[in-house]
Amino acid sequence: MNDTVESLVAYCREKNRVCPQPGLWHQMWEMLPNRRQVGAGWQPPLPLILAAWDEAPALLKMLRLAEHIEWAEKHTALVPISAFLRNLREEDWHHIGE
């Protein structure tokens, strides 16, 4: 499948999906090429996991995942990121209301 950023983000929001569960989201983030530390933060920004998991609302998690997908596209990694996300089981996703 030839995903676009838009089609992959749309897929990630189907069935009230928010983002992958924390460990899987971190695994996906580590797949992103050209990650680098910038000051006290990272580019692209870290997934909203660990302490941020309970504090961040679903919308912020959804936006951060979309940012990671956009980063993947800009750094020619959309195909493996798409495959990773599309191969997750439904229970591997965090959903709205969970």
PDB file of N, CA and C in Angstrom:
ATOM      1  N   MET A   1       0.848  -1.191   0.000  1.00  0.00           N
ATOM      2  CA  MET A   1       0.000   0.000   0.000  1.00  0.00           C
ATOM      3  C   MET A   1       0.885   1.243   0.000  1.00  0.00           C
ATOM      4  N   ASN A   2       0.516   2.200  -0.798  1.00  0.00           N
ATOM      5  CA  ASN A   2       1.243   3.458  -0.839  1.00  0.00           C
ATOM      6  C   ASN A   2       0.515   4.471   0.041  1.00  0.00           C
ATOM      7  N   ASP A   3       0.902   4.488   1.302  1.00  0.00           N
ATOM      8  CA  ASP A   3       0.290   5.394   2.259  1.00  0.00           C
ATOM      9  C   ASP A   3       0.762   6.817   2.041  1.00  0.00           C
ATOM     10  N   THR A   4      -0.088   7.743   2.395  1.00  0.00           N
ATOM     11  CA  THR A   4       0.288   9.138   2.538  1.00  0.00           C
ATOM     12  C   THR A   4       0.197   9.438   4.033  1.00  0.00           C
ATOM     13  N   VAL A   5       0.739  10.579   4.430  1.00  0.00           N
ATOM     14  CA  VAL A   5       0.612  10.993   5.824  1.00  0.00           C
ATOM     15  C   VAL A   5      -0.863  11.016   6.200  1.00  0.00           C
ATOM     16  N   GLU A   6      -1.678  11.592   5.353  1.00  0.00           N
ATOM     17  CA  GLU A   6      -3.101  11.746   5.652  1.00  0.00           C
ATOM     18  C   GLU A   6      -3.793  10.406   5.798  1.00  0.00           C
ATOM     19  N   SER A   7      -3.517   9.461   4.897  1.00  0.00           N
ATOM     20  CA  SER A   7      -4.202   8.164   4.973  1.00  0.00           C
ATOM     21  C   SER A   7      -3.740   7.366   6.192  1.00  0.00           C
ATOM     22  N   LEU A   8      -2.470   7.477   6.547  1.00  0.00           N
ATOM     23  CA  LEU A   8      -1.985   6.756   7.722  1.00  0.00           C
ATOM     24  C   LEU A   8      -2.526   7.369   9.009  1.00  0.00           C
ATOM     25  N   VAL A   9      -2.561   8.689   9.085  1.00  0.00           N
ATOM     26  CA  VAL A   9      -3.142   9.344  10.267  1.00  0.00           C
ATOM     27  C   VAL A   9      -4.616   8.965  10.375  1.00  0.00           C
ATOM     28  N   ALA A  10      -5.329   8.951   9.267  1.00  0.00           N
ATOM     29  CA  ALA A  10      -6.750   8.566   9.286  1.00  0.00           C
ATOM     30  C   ALA A  10      -6.896   7.138   9.801  1.00  0.00           C
ATOM     31  N   TYR A  11      -6.045   6.231   9.330  1.00  0.00           N
ATOM     32  CA  TYR A  11      -6.083   4.844   9.813  1.00  0.00           C
ATOM     33  C   TYR A  11      -5.861   4.790  11.327  1.00  0.00           C
ATOM     34  N   CYS A  12      -4.901   5.556  11.805  1.00  0.00           N
ATOM     35  CA  CYS A  12      -4.559   5.553  13.229  1.00  0.00           C
ATOM     36  C   CYS A  12      -5.675   6.118  14.098  1.00  0.00           C
ATOM     37  N   ARG A  13      -6.632   6.803  13.501  1.00  0.00           N
ATOM     38  CA  ARG A  13      -7.742   7.380  14.271  1.00  0.00           C
ATOM     39  C   ARG A  13      -9.039   6.598  14.115  1.00  0.00           C
ATOM     40  N   GLU A  14      -9.022   5.572  13.262  1.00  0.00           N
ATOM     41  CA  GLU A  14     -10.205   4.729  13.110  1.00  0.00           C
ATOM     42  C   GLU A  14     -10.470   3.992  14.422  1.00  0.00           C
ATOM     43  N   LYS A  15     -11.702   3.591  14.620  1.00  0.00           N
ATOM     44  CA  LYS A  15     -12.101   2.777  15.775  1.00  0.00           C
ATOM     45  C   LYS A  15     -11.726   3.425  17.105  1.00  0.00           C
ATOM     46  N   ASN A  16     -11.738   4.758  17.142  1.00  0.00           N
ATOM     47  CA  ASN A  16     -11.407   5.522  18.360  1.00  0.00           C
ATOM     48  C   ASN A  16      -9.972   5.294  18.835  1.00  0.00           C
ATOM     49  N   ARG A  17      -9.063   4.950  17.913  1.00  0.00           N
ATOM     50  CA  ARG A  17      -7.658   4.785  18.281  1.00  0.00           C
ATOM     51  C   ARG A  17      -7.053   6.144  18.606  1.00  0.00           C
ATOM     52  N   VAL A  18      -6.136   6.137  19.568  1.00  0.00           N
ATOM     53  CA  VAL A  18      -5.425   7.348  19.961  1.00  0.00           C
ATOM     54  C   VAL A  18      -3.971   7.232  19.534  1.00  0.00           C
ATOM     55  N   CYS A  19      -3.307   6.187  19.996  1.00  0.00           N
ATOM     56  CA  CYS A  19      -1.881   5.966  19.729  1.00  0.00           C
ATOM     57  C   CYS A  19      -1.552   4.542  20.139  1.00  0.00           C
ATOM     58  N   PRO A  20      -0.399   4.033  19.721  1.00  0.00           N
ATOM     59  CA  PRO A  20       0.002   2.716  20.210  1.00  0.00           C
ATOM     60  C   PRO A  20       0.204   2.747  21.731  1.00  0.00           C
ATOM     61  N   GLN A  21       0.093   1.581  22.352  1.00  0.00           N
ATOM     62  CA  GLN A  21       0.394   1.471  23.776  1.00  0.00           C
ATOM     63  C   GLN A  21       1.837   1.934  24.001  1.00  0.00           C
ATOM     64  N   PRO A  22       2.161   2.421  25.199  1.00  0.00           N
ATOM     65  CA  PRO A  22       3.454   3.088  25.440  1.00  0.00           C
ATOM     66  C   PRO A  22       4.703   2.363  24.932  1.00  0.00           C
ATOM     67  N   GLY A  23       4.865   1.105  25.247  1.00  0.00           N
ATOM     68  CA  GLY A  23       6.074   0.397  24.810  1.00  0.00           C
ATOM     69  C   GLY A  23       6.190   0.312  23.296  1.00  0.00           C
ATOM     70  N   LEU A  24       5.073   0.093  22.648  1.00  0.00           N
ATOM     71  CA  LEU A  24       5.067   0.015  21.182  1.00  0.00           C
ATOM     72  C   LEU A  24       5.275   1.373  20.548  1.00  0.00           C
ATOM     73  N   TRP A  25       4.710   2.404  21.172  1.00  0.00           N
ATOM     74  CA  TRP A  25       4.916   3.755  20.641  1.00  0.00           C
ATOM     75  C   TRP A  25       6.391   4.124  20.734  1.00  0.00           C
ATOM     76  N   HIS A  26       7.026   3.784  21.836  1.00  0.00           N
ATOM     77  CA  HIS A  26       8.458   4.062  21.971  1.00  0.00           C
ATOM     78  C   HIS A  26       9.256   3.277  20.926  1.00  0.00           C
ATOM     79  N   GLN A  27       8.875   2.025  20.716  1.00  0.00           N
ATOM     80  CA  GLN A  27       9.538   1.207  19.694  1.00  0.00           C
ATOM     81  C   GLN A  27       9.413   1.854  18.317  1.00  0.00           C
ATOM     82  N   MET A  28       8.225   2.359  17.993  1.00  0.00           N
ATOM     83  CA  MET A  28       8.026   3.034  16.713  1.00  0.00           C
ATOM     84  C   MET A  28       8.879   4.299  16.629  1.00  0.00           C
ATOM     85  N   TRP A  29       8.909   5.068  17.714  1.00  0.00           N
ATOM     86  CA  TRP A  29       9.698   6.305  17.735  1.00  0.00           C
ATOM     87  C   TRP A  29      11.174   5.997  17.471  1.00  0.00           C
ATOM     88  N   GLU A  30      11.662   4.901  18.022  1.00  0.00           N
ATOM     89  CA  GLU A  30      13.064   4.527  17.800  1.00  0.00           C
ATOM     90  C   GLU A  30      13.334   4.155  16.347  1.00  0.00           C
ATOM     91  N   MET A  31      12.304   3.815  15.596  1.00  0.00           N
ATOM     92  CA  MET A  31      12.456   3.515  14.169  1.00  0.00           C
ATOM     93  C   MET A  31      12.606   4.782  13.331  1.00  0.00           C
ATOM     94  N   LEU A  32      12.235   5.931  13.874  1.00  0.00           N
ATOM     95  CA  LEU A  32      12.296   7.177  13.106  1.00  0.00           C
ATOM     96  C   LEU A  32      13.741   7.568  12.849  1.00  0.00           C
ATOM     97  N   PRO A  33      14.090   7.831  11.605  1.00  0.00           N
ATOM     98  CA  PRO A  33      15.475   8.199  11.287  1.00  0.00           C
ATOM     99  C   PRO A  33      15.794   9.639  11.705  1.00  0.00           C
ATOM    100  N   ASN A  34      17.061   9.881  11.864  1.00  0.00           N
ATOM    101  CA  ASN A  34      17.590  11.231  12.128  1.00  0.00           C
ATOM    102  C   ASN A  34      17.087  11.849  13.426  1.00  0.00           C
ATOM    103  N   ARG A  35      16.766  10.996  14.413  1.00  0.00           N
ATOM    104  CA  ARG A  35      16.390  11.528  15.723  1.00  0.00           C
ATOM    105  C   ARG A  35      17.627  12.180  16.321  1.00  0.00           C
ATOM    106  N   ARG A  36      17.408  13.276  17.027  1.00  0.00           N
ATOM    107  CA  ARG A  36      18.551  13.942  17.650  1.00  0.00           C
ATOM    108  C   ARG A  36      18.095  14.721  18.869  1.00  0.00           C
ATOM    109  N   GLN A  37      18.984  14.809  19.823  1.00  0.00           N
ATOM    110  CA  GLN A  37      18.693  15.599  21.009  1.00  0.00           C
ATOM    111  C   GLN A  37      18.961  17.063  20.692  1.00  0.00           C
ATOM    112  N   VAL A  38      18.020  17.898  21.079  1.00  0.00           N
ATOM    113  CA  VAL A  38      18.130  19.337  20.856  1.00  0.00           C
ATOM    114  C   VAL A  38      17.868  19.993  22.206  1.00  0.00           C
ATOM    115  N   GLY A  39      18.919  20.512  22.815  1.00  0.00           N
ATOM    116  CA  GLY A  39      18.786  21.080  24.154  1.00  0.00           C
ATOM    117  C   GLY A  39      18.325  20.007  25.118  1.00  0.00           C
ATOM    118  N   ALA A  40      17.261  20.292  25.842  1.00  0.00           N
ATOM    119  CA  ALA A  40      16.729  19.328  26.800  1.00  0.00           C
ATOM    120  C   ALA A  40      15.700  18.397  26.165  1.00  0.00           C
ATOM    121  N   GLY A  41      15.393  18.617  24.890  1.00  0.00           N
ATOM    122  CA  GLY A  41      14.370  17.813  24.223  1.00  0.00           C
ATOM    123  C   GLY A  41      14.918  17.011  23.064  1.00  0.00           C
ATOM    124  N   TRP A  42      14.005  16.495  22.269  1.00  0.00           N
ATOM    125  CA  TRP A  42      14.350  15.672  21.118  1.00  0.00           C
ATOM    126  C   TRP A  42      13.597  16.140  19.885  1.00  0.00           C
ATOM    127  N   GLN A  43      14.203  15.889  18.740  1.00  0.00           N
ATOM    128  CA  GLN A  43      13.541  16.061  17.457  1.00  0.00           C
ATOM    129  C   GLN A  43      13.573  14.718  16.759  1.00  0.00           C
ATOM    130  N   PRO A  44      12.459  14.136  16.416  1.00  0.00           N
ATOM    131  CA  PRO A  44      11.117  14.579  16.773  1.00  0.00           C
ATOM    132  C   PRO A  44      10.883  14.412  18.271  1.00  0.00           C
ATOM    133  N   PRO A  45       9.877  15.085  18.809  1.00  0.00           N
ATOM    134  CA  PRO A  45       9.615  14.983  20.245  1.00  0.00           C
ATOM    135  C   PRO A  45       9.335  13.540  20.670  1.00  0.00           C
ATOM    136  N   LEU A  46       9.642  13.245  21.908  1.00  0.00           N
ATOM    137  CA  LEU A  46       9.395  11.914  22.458  1.00  0.00           C
ATOM    138  C   LEU A  46       7.909  11.587  22.468  1.00  0.00           C
ATOM    139  N   PRO A  47       7.571  10.301  22.423  1.00  0.00           N
ATOM    140  CA  PRO A  47       6.169   9.929  22.604  1.00  0.00           C
ATOM    141  C   PRO A  47       5.697  10.364  23.995  1.00  0.00           C
ATOM    142  N   LEU A  48       4.415  10.584  24.125  1.00  0.00           N
ATOM    143  CA  LEU A  48       3.852  11.003  25.409  1.00  0.00           C
ATOM    144  C   LEU A  48       3.589   9.766  26.265  1.00  0.00           C
ATOM    145  N   ILE A  49       4.683   9.229  26.808  1.00  0.00           N
ATOM    146  CA  ILE A  49       4.620   8.023  27.621  1.00  0.00           C
ATOM    147  C   ILE A  49       5.257   8.308  28.971  1.00  0.00           C
ATOM    148  N   LEU A  50       5.428   7.303  29.771  1.00  0.00           N
ATOM    149  CA  LEU A  50       5.976   7.422  31.118  1.00  0.00           C
ATOM    150  C   LEU A  50       5.133   8.417  31.916  1.00  0.00           C
ATOM    151  N   ALA A  51       5.735   9.420  32.516  1.00  0.00           N
ATOM    152  CA  ALA A  51       4.988  10.379  33.345  1.00  0.00           C
ATOM    153  C   ALA A  51       3.965  11.152  32.515  1.00  0.00           C
ATOM    154  N   ALA A  52       4.261  11.404  31.246  1.00  0.00           N
ATOM    155  CA  ALA A  52       3.351  12.176  30.394  1.00  0.00           C
ATOM    156  C   ALA A  52       2.095  11.391  30.027  1.00  0.00           C
ATOM    157  N   TRP A  53       2.144  10.071  30.111  1.00  0.00           N
ATOM    158  CA  TRP A  53       1.017   9.232  29.690  1.00  0.00           C
ATOM    159  C   TRP A  53      -0.270   9.607  30.420  1.00  0.00           C
ATOM    160  N   ASP A  54      -0.194   9.704  31.741  1.00  0.00           N
ATOM    161  CA  ASP A  54      -1.387   9.990  32.527  1.00  0.00           C
ATOM    162  C   ASP A  54      -1.801  11.462  32.466  1.00  0.00           C
ATOM    163  N   GLU A  55      -0.849  12.325  32.153  1.00  0.00           N
ATOM    164  CA  GLU A  55      -1.128  13.765  32.133  1.00  0.00           C
ATOM    165  C   GLU A  55      -1.675  14.254  30.798  1.00  0.00           C
ATOM    166  N   ALA A  56      -1.235  13.642  29.709  1.00  0.00           N
ATOM    167  CA  ALA A  56      -1.600  14.134  28.374  1.00  0.00           C
ATOM    168  C   ALA A  56      -2.977  13.620  27.960  1.00  0.00           C
ATOM    169  N   PRO A  57      -3.852  14.520  27.509  1.00  0.00           N
ATOM    170  CA  PRO A  57      -5.154  14.071  27.014  1.00  0.00           C
ATOM    171  C   PRO A  57      -5.007  13.353  25.668  1.00  0.00           C
ATOM    172  N   ALA A  58      -6.041  12.626  25.314  1.00  0.00           N
ATOM    173  CA  ALA A  58      -6.023  11.843  24.078  1.00  0.00           C
ATOM    174  C   ALA A  58      -5.681  12.696  22.861  1.00  0.00           C
ATOM    175  N   LEU A  59      -6.222  13.901  22.773  1.00  0.00           N
ATOM    176  CA  LEU A  59      -5.966  14.749  21.609  1.00  0.00           C
ATOM    177  C   LEU A  59      -4.483  15.049  21.448  1.00  0.00           C
ATOM    178  N   LEU A  60      -3.789  15.344  22.533  1.00  0.00           N
ATOM    179  CA  LEU A  60      -2.347  15.619  22.438  1.00  0.00           C
ATOM    180  C   LEU A  60      -1.584  14.381  21.991  1.00  0.00           C
ATOM    181  N   LYS A  61      -1.991  13.219  22.464  1.00  0.00           N
ATOM    182  CA  LYS A  61      -1.343  11.975  22.036  1.00  0.00           C
ATOM    183  C   LYS A  61      -1.567  11.754  20.544  1.00  0.00           C
ATOM    184  N   MET A  62      -2.783  12.019  20.085  1.00  0.00           N
ATOM    185  CA  MET A  62      -3.087  11.858  18.664  1.00  0.00           C
ATOM    186  C   MET A  62      -2.251  12.816  17.812  1.00  0.00           C
ATOM    187  N   LEU A  63      -2.126  14.045  18.274  1.00  0.00           N
ATOM    188  CA  LEU A  63      -1.333  15.036  17.538  1.00  0.00           C
ATOM    189  C   LEU A  63       0.147  14.669  17.525  1.00  0.00           C
ATOM    190  N   ARG A  64       0.657  14.158  18.642  1.00  0.00           N
ATOM    191  CA  ARG A  64       2.070  13.765  18.697  1.00  0.00           C
ATOM    192  C   ARG A  64       2.336  12.590  17.766  1.00  0.00           C
ATOM    193  N   LEU A  65       1.419  11.614  17.720  1.00  0.00           N
ATOM    194  CA  LEU A  65       1.586  10.501  16.795  1.00  0.00           C
ATOM    195  C   LEU A  65       1.577  11.005  15.355  1.00  0.00           C
ATOM    196  N   ALA A  66       0.685  11.930  15.029  1.00  0.00           N
ATOM    197  CA  ALA A  66       0.652  12.501  13.677  1.00  0.00           C
ATOM    198  C   ALA A  66       1.966  13.203  13.371  1.00  0.00           C
ATOM    199  N   GLU A  67       2.537  13.882  14.353  1.00  0.00           N
ATOM    200  CA  GLU A  67       3.833  14.543  14.168  1.00  0.00           C
ATOM    201  C   GLU A  67       4.920  13.510  13.849  1.00  0.00           C
ATOM    202  N   HIS A  68       4.873  12.368  14.510  1.00  0.00           N
ATOM    203  CA  HIS A  68       5.844  11.306  14.237  1.00  0.00           C
ATOM    204  C   HIS A  68       5.667  10.755  12.824  1.00  0.00           C
ATOM    205  N   ILE A  69       4.422  10.613  12.395  1.00  0.00           N
ATOM    206  CA  ILE A  69       4.157  10.125  11.038  1.00  0.00           C
ATOM    207  C   ILE A  69       4.657  11.139  10.010  1.00  0.00           C
ATOM    208  N   GLU A  70       4.445  12.416  10.263  1.00  0.00           N
ATOM    209  CA  GLU A  70       4.951  13.458   9.361  1.00  0.00           C
ATOM    210  C   GLU A  70       6.483  13.425   9.306  1.00  0.00           C
ATOM    211  N   TRP A  71       7.126  13.232  10.455  1.00  0.00           N
ATOM    212  CA  TRP A  71       8.587  13.128  10.497  1.00  0.00           C
ATOM    213  C   TRP A  71       9.046  11.950   9.636  1.00  0.00           C
ATOM    214  N   ALA A  72       8.351  10.826   9.773  1.00  0.00           N
ATOM    215  CA  ALA A  72       8.708   9.636   8.989  1.00  0.00           C
ATOM    216  C   ALA A  72       8.633   9.936   7.499  1.00  0.00           C
ATOM    217  N   GLU A  73       7.590  10.635   7.085  1.00  0.00           N
ATOM    218  CA  GLU A  73       7.437  10.956   5.665  1.00  0.00           C
ATOM    219  C   GLU A  73       8.558  11.876   5.190  1.00  0.00           C
ATOM    220  N   LYS A  74       8.907  12.869   5.984  1.00  0.00           N
ATOM    221  CA  LYS A  74       9.957  13.819   5.603  1.00  0.00           C
ATOM    222  C   LYS A  74      11.342  13.181   5.563  1.00  0.00           C
ATOM    223  N   HIS A  75      11.489  12.054   6.262  1.00  0.00           N
ATOM    224  CA  HIS A  75      12.791  11.392   6.340  1.00  0.00           C
ATOM    225  C   HIS A  75      12.760  10.011   5.684  1.00  0.00           C
ATOM    226  N   THR A  76      11.894   9.873   4.683  1.00  0.00           N
ATOM    227  CA  THR A  76      11.774   8.678   3.846  1.00  0.00           C
ATOM    228  C   THR A  76      11.622   7.384   4.653  1.00  0.00           C
ATOM    229  N   ALA A  77      10.817   7.433   5.692  1.00  0.00           N
ATOM    230  CA  ALA A  77      10.583   6.235   6.501  1.00  0.00           C
ATOM    231  C   ALA A  77       9.097   5.935   6.659  1.00  0.00           C
ATOM    232  N   LEU A  78       8.271   6.494   5.789  1.00  0.00           N
ATOM    233  CA  LEU A  78       6.837   6.289   5.930  1.00  0.00           C
ATOM    234  C   LEU A  78       6.454   4.825   5.705  1.00  0.00           C
ATOM    235  N   VAL A  79       7.119   4.146   4.796  1.00  0.00           N
ATOM    236  CA  VAL A  79       6.769   2.747   4.498  1.00  0.00           C
ATOM    237  C   VAL A  79       6.969   1.850   5.716  1.00  0.00           C
ATOM    238  N   PRO A  80       8.140   1.851   6.365  1.00  0.00           N
ATOM    239  CA  PRO A  80       8.267   0.977   7.539  1.00  0.00           C
ATOM    240  C   PRO A  80       7.400   1.408   8.724  1.00  0.00           C
ATOM    241  N   ILE A  81       7.188   2.702   8.900  1.00  0.00           N
ATOM    242  CA  ILE A  81       6.328   3.176   9.989  1.00  0.00           C
ATOM    243  C   ILE A  81       4.881   2.755   9.720  1.00  0.00           C
ATOM    244  N   SER A  82       4.443   2.879   8.483  1.00  0.00           N
ATOM    245  CA  SER A  82       3.104   2.444   8.116  1.00  0.00           C
ATOM    246  C   SER A  82       2.943   0.951   8.368  1.00  0.00           C
ATOM    247  N   ALA A  83       3.916   0.166   7.953  1.00  0.00           N
ATOM    248  CA  ALA A  83       3.839  -1.286   8.163  1.00  0.00           C
ATOM    249  C   ALA A  83       3.767  -1.607   9.651  1.00  0.00           C
ATOM    250  N   PHE A  84       4.576  -0.935  10.446  1.00  0.00           N
ATOM    251  CA  PHE A  84       4.571  -1.157  11.895  1.00  0.00           C
ATOM    252  C   PHE A  84       3.179  -0.872  12.465  1.00  0.00           C
ATOM    253  N   LEU A  85       2.636   0.293  12.156  1.00  0.00           N
ATOM    254  CA  LEU A  85       1.344   0.692  12.719  1.00  0.00           C
ATOM    255  C   LEU A  85       0.206  -0.183  12.217  1.00  0.00           C
ATOM    256  N   ARG A  86       0.215  -0.508  10.949  1.00  0.00           N
ATOM    257  CA  ARG A  86      -0.874  -1.306  10.375  1.00  0.00           C
ATOM    258  C   ARG A  86      -0.826  -2.764  10.822  1.00  0.00           C
ATOM    259  N   ASN A  87       0.314  -3.207  11.321  1.00  0.00           N
ATOM    260  CA  ASN A  87       0.432  -4.588  11.796  1.00  0.00           C
ATOM    261  C   ASN A  87       0.165  -4.733  13.288  1.00  0.00           C
ATOM    262  N   LEU A  88      -0.120  -3.631  13.972  1.00  0.00           N
ATOM    263  CA  LEU A  88      -0.468  -3.723  15.387  1.00  0.00           C
ATOM    264  C   LEU A  88      -1.844  -4.379  15.533  1.00  0.00           C
ATOM    265  N   ARG A  89      -1.991  -5.179  16.573  1.00  0.00           N
ATOM    266  CA  ARG A  89      -3.297  -5.740  16.894  1.00  0.00           C
ATOM    267  C   ARG A  89      -4.145  -4.637  17.541  1.00  0.00           C
ATOM    268  N   GLU A  90      -5.428  -4.795  17.521  1.00  0.00           N
ATOM    269  CA  GLU A  90      -6.292  -3.750  18.080  1.00  0.00           C
ATOM    270  C   GLU A  90      -5.986  -3.519  19.562  1.00  0.00           C
ATOM    271  N   GLU A  91      -5.636  -4.570  20.294  1.00  0.00           N
ATOM    272  CA  GLU A  91      -5.314  -4.408  21.715  1.00  0.00           C
ATOM    273  C   GLU A  91      -3.963  -3.732  21.937  1.00  0.00           C
ATOM    274  N   ASP A  92      -3.189  -3.552  20.884  1.00  0.00           N
ATOM    275  CA  ASP A  92      -1.915  -2.838  20.974  1.00  0.00           C
ATOM    276  C   ASP A  92      -2.110  -1.320  20.928  1.00  0.00           C
ATOM    277  N   TRP A  93      -3.338  -0.900  20.687  1.00  0.00           N
ATOM    278  CA  TRP A  93      -3.669   0.533  20.596  1.00  0.00           C
ATOM    279  C   TRP A  93      -4.322   1.016  21.879  1.00  0.00           C
ATOM    280  N   HIS A  94      -4.077   2.276  22.212  1.00  0.00           N
ATOM    281  CA  HIS A  94      -4.822   2.969  23.263  1.00  0.00           C
ATOM    282  C   HIS A  94      -6.002   3.632  22.557  1.00  0.00           C
ATOM    283  N   HIS A  95      -7.185   3.524  23.145  1.00  0.00           N
ATOM    284  CA  HIS A  95      -8.406   4.056  22.533  1.00  0.00           C
ATOM    285  C   HIS A  95      -8.992   5.166  23.407  1.00  0.00           C
ATOM    286  N   ILE A  96      -9.766   6.011  22.766  1.00  0.00           N
ATOM    287  CA  ILE A  96     -10.467   7.066  23.504  1.00  0.00           C
ATOM    288  C   ILE A  96     -11.324   6.415  24.587  1.00  0.00           C
ATOM    289  N   GLY A  97     -11.225   6.954  25.781  1.00  0.00           N
ATOM    290  CA  GLY A  97     -12.020   6.459  26.886  1.00  0.00           C
ATOM    291  C   GLY A  97     -11.366   5.377  27.721  1.00  0.00           C
ATOM    292  N   GLU A  98     -10.194   4.932  27.316  1.00  0.00           N
ATOM    293  CA  GLU A  98      -9.498   3.899  28.111  1.00  0.00           C
ATOM    294  C   GLU A  98      -8.638   4.537  29.175  1.00  0.00           C
TER     295      GLU A  98
END
